[in-house]
């Protein structure tokens, strides 16, 4: 499943690197594409291996708030 999230706290390329690191940190995440220009990230994940709540908690632990779009 691919979902797009608003991440209003993201403001630089370092933020992007932190959030894209979720791909390596969490099993079940296939890909993370973040853009600080858009203040958004798109996460492709396997719903059978990881929940959206687990992803949002991991984002929070990195210091960011994420809100699902659409």
N, C-alpha and C. Protein backbone atom coordinates (compact mmCIF):
# COMPACT_ATOMS: atom_id res chain seq x y z
N UNK A 1 0.85 -1.17 0.00
CA UNK A 1 0.00 0.00 0.00
C UNK A 1 0.89 1.23 0.00
N UNK A 2 0.52 2.22 -0.81
CA UNK A 2 1.23 3.50 -0.82
C UNK A 2 0.33 4.55 -0.19
N UNK A 3 0.91 5.32 0.73
CA UNK A 3 0.16 6.41 1.36
C UNK A 3 1.01 7.66 1.37
N UNK A 4 0.36 8.80 1.24
CA UNK A 4 1.02 10.09 1.27
C UNK A 4 0.70 10.78 2.59
N UNK A 5 1.72 11.35 3.19
CA UNK A 5 1.58 12.03 4.48
C UNK A 5 2.11 13.45 4.40
N UNK A 6 1.44 14.34 5.07
CA UNK A 6 1.93 15.70 5.27
C UNK A 6 2.85 15.67 6.48
N UNK A 7 4.02 16.30 6.33
CA UNK A 7 4.99 16.39 7.44
C UNK A 7 5.40 17.85 7.56
N UNK A 8 4.59 18.66 8.27
CA UNK A 8 4.83 20.10 8.31
C UNK A 8 6.13 20.51 8.98
N UNK A 9 6.73 19.64 9.81
CA UNK A 9 7.98 19.96 10.51
C UNK A 9 9.21 19.78 9.63
N UNK A 10 9.07 19.15 8.46
CA UNK A 10 10.21 18.86 7.60
C UNK A 10 10.61 20.13 6.85
N UNK A 11 11.88 20.54 7.01
CA UNK A 11 12.30 21.80 6.40
C UNK A 11 13.67 21.78 5.72
N UNK A 12 14.35 20.62 5.69
CA UNK A 12 15.68 20.59 5.07
C UNK A 12 16.01 19.18 4.57
N UNK A 13 17.12 19.07 3.87
CA UNK A 13 17.52 17.77 3.32
C UNK A 13 17.89 16.78 4.43
N UNK A 14 18.34 17.27 5.57
CA UNK A 14 18.64 16.39 6.70
C UNK A 14 17.36 15.73 7.22
N UNK A 15 16.28 16.49 7.24
CA UNK A 15 14.98 15.93 7.63
C UNK A 15 14.58 14.82 6.68
N UNK A 16 14.78 15.05 5.39
CA UNK A 16 14.45 14.05 4.37
C UNK A 16 15.24 12.77 4.63
N UNK A 17 16.53 12.90 4.90
CA UNK A 17 17.38 11.72 5.15
C UNK A 17 16.90 10.95 6.37
N UNK A 18 16.53 11.66 7.43
CA UNK A 18 16.03 10.99 8.63
C UNK A 18 14.78 10.18 8.33
N UNK A 19 13.84 10.80 7.63
CA UNK A 19 12.58 10.12 7.35
C UNK A 19 12.75 9.00 6.33
N UNK A 20 13.59 9.18 5.35
CA UNK A 20 13.82 8.11 4.39
C UNK A 20 14.55 6.94 5.04
N UNK A 21 15.20 7.18 6.18
CA UNK A 21 15.85 6.12 6.94
C UNK A 21 14.87 5.12 7.54
N UNK A 22 13.59 5.48 7.58
CA UNK A 22 12.57 4.55 8.08
C UNK A 22 12.56 3.27 7.25
N UNK A 23 12.92 3.40 5.99
CA UNK A 23 12.97 2.25 5.09
C UNK A 23 13.90 1.16 5.62
N UNK A 24 15.01 1.58 6.20
CA UNK A 24 15.99 0.63 6.77
C UNK A 24 15.63 0.23 8.19
N UNK A 25 14.92 1.10 8.90
CA UNK A 25 14.63 0.88 10.32
C UNK A 25 13.49 -0.09 10.58
N UNK A 26 12.51 -0.11 9.71
CA UNK A 26 11.28 -0.85 9.99
C UNK A 26 11.02 -1.95 8.95
N UNK A 27 10.82 -3.18 9.41
CA UNK A 27 10.46 -4.24 8.48
C UNK A 27 9.05 -3.99 7.93
N UNK A 28 8.86 -4.23 6.67
CA UNK A 28 7.56 -4.03 6.06
C UNK A 28 7.47 -2.76 5.24
N UNK A 29 8.44 -1.87 5.39
CA UNK A 29 8.45 -0.66 4.57
C UNK A 29 9.29 -0.94 3.33
N UNK A 30 8.67 -0.76 2.17
CA UNK A 30 9.36 -1.02 0.91
C UNK A 30 10.15 0.19 0.44
N UNK A 31 9.53 1.38 0.59
CA UNK A 31 10.17 2.59 0.07
C UNK A 31 9.59 3.82 0.76
N UNK A 32 10.46 4.81 0.99
CA UNK A 32 10.03 6.10 1.52
C UNK A 32 10.61 7.18 0.61
N UNK A 33 9.77 8.05 0.10
CA UNK A 33 10.20 9.21 -0.68
C UNK A 33 9.68 10.45 0.01
N UNK A 34 10.61 11.29 0.46
CA UNK A 34 10.23 12.51 1.18
C UNK A 34 10.68 13.73 0.40
N UNK A 35 9.93 14.83 0.56
CA UNK A 35 10.26 16.10 -0.07
C UNK A 35 10.03 17.22 0.94
N UNK A 36 11.10 17.93 1.29
CA UNK A 36 10.90 19.04 2.23
C UNK A 36 10.28 20.24 1.52
N UNK A 37 10.41 20.33 0.20
CA UNK A 37 9.77 21.42 -0.53
C UNK A 37 8.24 21.30 -0.44
N UNK A 38 7.75 20.07 -0.56
CA UNK A 38 6.31 19.82 -0.48
C UNK A 38 5.86 19.55 0.94
N UNK A 39 6.82 19.31 1.85
CA UNK A 39 6.54 18.90 3.23
C UNK A 39 5.63 17.66 3.24
N UNK A 40 6.02 16.70 2.39
CA UNK A 40 5.27 15.46 2.27
C UNK A 40 6.22 14.28 2.15
N UNK A 41 5.70 13.10 2.47
CA UNK A 41 6.42 11.87 2.19
C UNK A 41 5.42 10.83 1.72
N UNK A 42 5.91 9.95 0.84
CA UNK A 42 5.11 8.84 0.33
C UNK A 42 5.78 7.57 0.83
N UNK A 43 5.00 6.73 1.48
CA UNK A 43 5.53 5.48 2.03
C UNK A 43 4.81 4.32 1.37
N UNK A 44 5.61 3.40 0.84
CA UNK A 44 5.09 2.15 0.28
C UNK A 44 5.38 1.07 1.31
N UNK A 45 4.33 0.45 1.85
CA UNK A 45 4.54 -0.53 2.92
C UNK A 45 3.61 -1.73 2.78
N UNK A 46 4.00 -2.82 3.43
CA UNK A 46 3.24 -4.06 3.43
C UNK A 46 2.36 -4.07 4.67
N UNK A 47 1.05 -3.93 4.47
CA UNK A 47 0.10 -3.86 5.58
C UNK A 47 0.10 -5.12 6.44
N UNK A 48 0.53 -6.23 5.89
CA UNK A 48 0.56 -7.48 6.66
C UNK A 48 1.74 -7.52 7.63
N UNK A 49 2.75 -6.67 7.38
CA UNK A 49 3.96 -6.68 8.22
C UNK A 49 4.07 -5.49 9.17
N UNK A 50 3.42 -4.38 8.81
CA UNK A 50 3.52 -3.17 9.64
C UNK A 50 2.24 -2.35 9.49
N UNK A 51 1.81 -1.76 10.60
CA UNK A 51 0.59 -0.95 10.57
C UNK A 51 0.92 0.52 10.37
N UNK A 52 -0.07 1.25 9.96
CA UNK A 52 0.10 2.70 9.81
C UNK A 52 0.42 3.34 11.16
N UNK A 53 -0.18 2.84 12.22
CA UNK A 53 0.08 3.37 13.57
C UNK A 53 1.56 3.16 13.94
N UNK A 54 2.13 2.03 13.59
CA UNK A 54 3.55 1.78 13.89
C UNK A 54 4.44 2.74 13.10
N UNK A 55 4.07 3.00 11.87
CA UNK A 55 4.85 3.94 11.05
C UNK A 55 4.78 5.33 11.64
N UNK A 56 3.58 5.78 12.00
CA UNK A 56 3.43 7.13 12.56
C UNK A 56 4.17 7.27 13.89
N UNK A 57 4.21 6.21 14.67
CA UNK A 57 4.96 6.23 15.94
C UNK A 57 6.46 6.36 15.67
N UNK A 58 6.95 5.66 14.66
CA UNK A 58 8.37 5.75 14.30
C UNK A 58 8.72 7.14 13.80
N UNK A 59 7.82 7.76 13.05
CA UNK A 59 8.02 9.13 12.57
C UNK A 59 8.08 10.08 13.78
N UNK A 60 7.20 9.87 14.73
CA UNK A 60 7.16 10.70 15.94
C UNK A 60 8.47 10.58 16.73
N UNK A 61 9.00 9.35 16.82
CA UNK A 61 10.26 9.13 17.54
C UNK A 61 11.43 9.85 16.86
N UNK A 62 11.31 10.11 15.57
CA UNK A 62 12.34 10.86 14.86
C UNK A 62 12.15 12.37 15.00
N UNK A 63 11.07 12.77 15.69
CA UNK A 63 10.86 14.19 15.97
C UNK A 63 9.90 14.91 15.04
N UNK A 64 9.08 14.16 14.31
CA UNK A 64 8.18 14.77 13.33
C UNK A 64 6.75 14.32 13.56
N UNK A 65 5.81 15.14 13.13
CA UNK A 65 4.40 14.78 13.10
C UNK A 65 4.04 14.48 11.65
N UNK A 66 3.28 13.44 11.43
CA UNK A 66 2.83 13.11 10.07
C UNK A 66 1.32 12.92 10.08
N UNK A 67 0.70 13.40 9.02
CA UNK A 67 -0.75 13.33 8.90
C UNK A 67 -1.09 12.75 7.53
N UNK A 68 -1.92 11.72 7.51
CA UNK A 68 -2.31 11.08 6.25
C UNK A 68 -3.08 12.08 5.39
N UNK A 69 -2.80 12.06 4.09
CA UNK A 69 -3.53 12.89 3.14
C UNK A 69 -4.45 11.99 2.33
N UNK A 70 -5.64 12.50 2.08
CA UNK A 70 -6.58 11.78 1.23
C UNK A 70 -7.16 10.60 1.78
